[in-house]
Amino acid sequence: QVHLEESGGALVQAGGSLRLSCAVSGRTGAYDYAVGWFRQTPGEEREFLAVLAWNDRYYAESQKGRFTISRDAVKNWVYLQMNSLKPEDTAVYYCAATPLLSNSAAYVRATSYNSWGQGTQVTVSS
Protein backbone atom coordinates (compact mmCIF):
# COMPACT_ATOMS: atom_id res chain seq x y z
CA GLN A 1 0.00 0.00 0.00
CA VAL A 2 1.06 3.53 -0.73
CA HIS A 3 0.53 6.26 1.84
CA LEU A 4 0.46 9.91 0.82
CA GLU A 5 0.43 13.03 2.95
CA GLU A 6 0.08 16.54 1.59
CA SER A 7 1.40 19.71 3.19
CA GLY A 8 2.02 23.32 2.28
CA GLY A 9 -1.50 24.63 1.92
CA ALA A 10 -2.00 28.17 3.16
CA LEU A 11 -3.79 31.48 2.77
CA VAL A 12 -2.04 33.53 0.09
CA GLN A 13 -2.80 36.74 -1.77
CA ALA A 14 -3.65 36.74 -5.44
CA GLY A 15 -0.51 36.81 -7.53
CA GLY A 16 1.46 34.90 -4.94
CA SER A 17 3.04 31.46 -5.04
CA LEU A 18 2.86 28.27 -3.03
CA ARG A 19 4.65 24.95 -3.13
CA LEU A 20 2.65 21.94 -2.07
CA SER A 21 4.41 18.81 -0.94
CA CYS A 22 3.32 15.19 -1.11
CA ALA A 23 5.22 12.69 1.02
CA VAL A 24 4.96 9.22 -0.50
CA SER A 25 5.65 6.19 1.66
CA GLY A 26 4.98 2.48 1.66
CA ARG A 27 6.15 -0.36 -0.52
CA THR A 28 7.19 1.80 -3.40
CA GLY A 29 10.22 3.50 -4.80
CA ALA A 30 10.15 6.99 -6.22
CA TYR A 31 9.68 5.72 -9.78
CA ASP A 32 7.31 2.81 -9.16
CA TYR A 33 4.16 4.91 -9.11
CA ALA A 34 2.75 7.87 -10.93
CA VAL A 35 1.84 10.68 -8.56
CA GLY A 36 -0.74 13.20 -9.56
CA TRP A 37 -2.20 16.39 -8.12
CA PHE A 38 -5.91 17.17 -8.11
CA ARG A 39 -8.04 19.83 -6.48
CA GLN A 40 -11.64 20.00 -5.42
CA THR A 41 -14.12 22.68 -4.43
CA PRO A 42 -17.43 22.01 -2.65
CA GLY A 43 -19.99 20.40 -4.91
CA GLU A 44 -17.51 19.84 -7.73
CA GLU A 45 -15.62 16.79 -8.97
CA ARG A 46 -11.90 16.51 -8.45
CA GLU A 47 -10.01 18.40 -11.11
CA PHE A 48 -6.80 17.02 -12.58
CA LEU A 49 -3.82 19.40 -12.40
CA ALA A 50 -0.62 17.49 -13.11
CA VAL A 51 1.00 14.06 -12.91
CA LEU A 52 4.56 12.79 -12.75
CA ALA A 53 4.94 9.30 -14.20
CA TRP A 54 8.50 8.00 -14.27
CA ASN A 55 10.18 11.06 -15.82
CA ASP A 56 7.18 12.19 -17.84
CA ARG A 57 5.14 15.18 -16.78
CA TYR A 58 1.60 15.87 -17.93
CA TYR A 59 -0.42 18.95 -17.12
CA ALA A 60 -3.98 20.06 -17.45
CA GLU A 61 -4.07 22.49 -20.35
CA SER A 62 -5.59 25.17 -18.13
CA GLN A 63 -2.61 25.06 -15.73
CA LYS A 64 0.30 24.89 -18.13
CA GLY A 65 2.73 27.65 -17.42
CA ARG A 66 1.57 28.34 -13.85
CA PHE A 67 1.94 24.95 -12.16
CA THR A 68 5.05 22.76 -12.14
CA ILE A 69 5.31 19.22 -10.78
CA SER A 70 8.63 17.88 -9.57
CA ARG A 71 10.14 15.13 -7.45
CA ASP A 72 12.78 14.61 -4.80
CA ALA A 73 13.61 10.97 -5.51
CA VAL A 74 15.73 10.57 -2.41
CA LYS A 75 12.99 11.69 -0.04
CA ASN A 76 10.24 10.27 -2.30
CA TRP A 77 8.35 13.52 -2.18
CA VAL A 78 6.45 15.11 -5.07
CA TYR A 79 5.89 18.84 -5.25
CA LEU A 80 3.45 21.14 -6.99
CA GLN A 81 4.80 24.65 -7.47
CA MET A 82 1.96 27.08 -8.09
CA ASN A 83 2.62 30.61 -9.33
CA SER A 84 0.44 33.60 -10.17
CA LEU A 85 -2.31 32.28 -7.95
CA LYS A 86 -5.87 33.47 -8.48
CA PRO A 87 -8.89 33.43 -6.17
CA GLU A 88 -10.39 30.69 -8.35
CA ASP A 89 -7.46 28.46 -7.36
CA THR A 90 -8.99 28.24 -3.89
CA ALA A 91 -9.66 24.54 -3.21
CA VAL A 92 -8.55 21.49 -1.32
CA TYR A 93 -5.54 20.03 -3.09
CA TYR A 94 -4.88 16.29 -3.13
CA CYS A 95 -2.05 14.11 -4.27
CA ALA A 96 -2.77 10.61 -5.48
CA ALA A 97 -0.80 7.60 -6.66
CA THR A 98 -1.33 4.85 -9.17
CA PRO A 99 0.90 2.20 -10.72
CA LEU A 100 2.33 3.38 -14.02
CA LEU A 101 -0.33 3.23 -16.73
CA SER A 102 0.19 2.21 -20.34
CA ASN A 103 -2.34 4.79 -21.46
CA SER A 104 -1.13 8.20 -20.30
CA ALA A 105 -4.50 9.74 -21.11
CA ALA A 106 -5.94 7.87 -18.15
CA TYR A 107 -3.94 9.94 -15.68
CA VAL A 108 -6.42 12.78 -15.92
CA ARG A 109 -9.15 10.64 -14.36
CA ALA A 110 -9.42 10.55 -10.59
CA THR A 111 -10.72 6.98 -10.84
CA SER A 112 -7.34 5.88 -12.21
CA TYR A 113 -5.72 6.45 -8.82
CA ASN A 114 -5.99 4.00 -5.95
CA SER A 115 -4.25 5.90 -3.16
CA TRP A 116 -5.08 9.40 -1.98
CA GLY A 117 -3.86 11.81 0.65
CA GLN A 118 -6.17 13.69 3.01
CA GLY A 119 -5.81 17.00 1.20
CA THR A 120 -4.45 20.43 2.05
CA GLN A 121 -6.42 23.67 1.87
CA VAL A 122 -5.27 26.47 -0.40
CA THR A 123 -7.07 29.79 -0.10
CA VAL A 124 -6.25 32.69 -2.41
CA SER A 125 -7.54 36.08 -1.35
CA SER A 126 -8.26 38.87 -3.82
Foldseek 3Di string as FASTA:
>chain_A
DKAKAKDWADEAAAQAKTKMKIQIDDPDALQFKKKFKWWDDPPDDTFTAWIQHRNDIDGDPVCPPFWDWDADRVRSMIMIIGGRDDQVVWTWMKMFIAGDDPDPVCVRDPVRTDYIHPTGTHGYHD
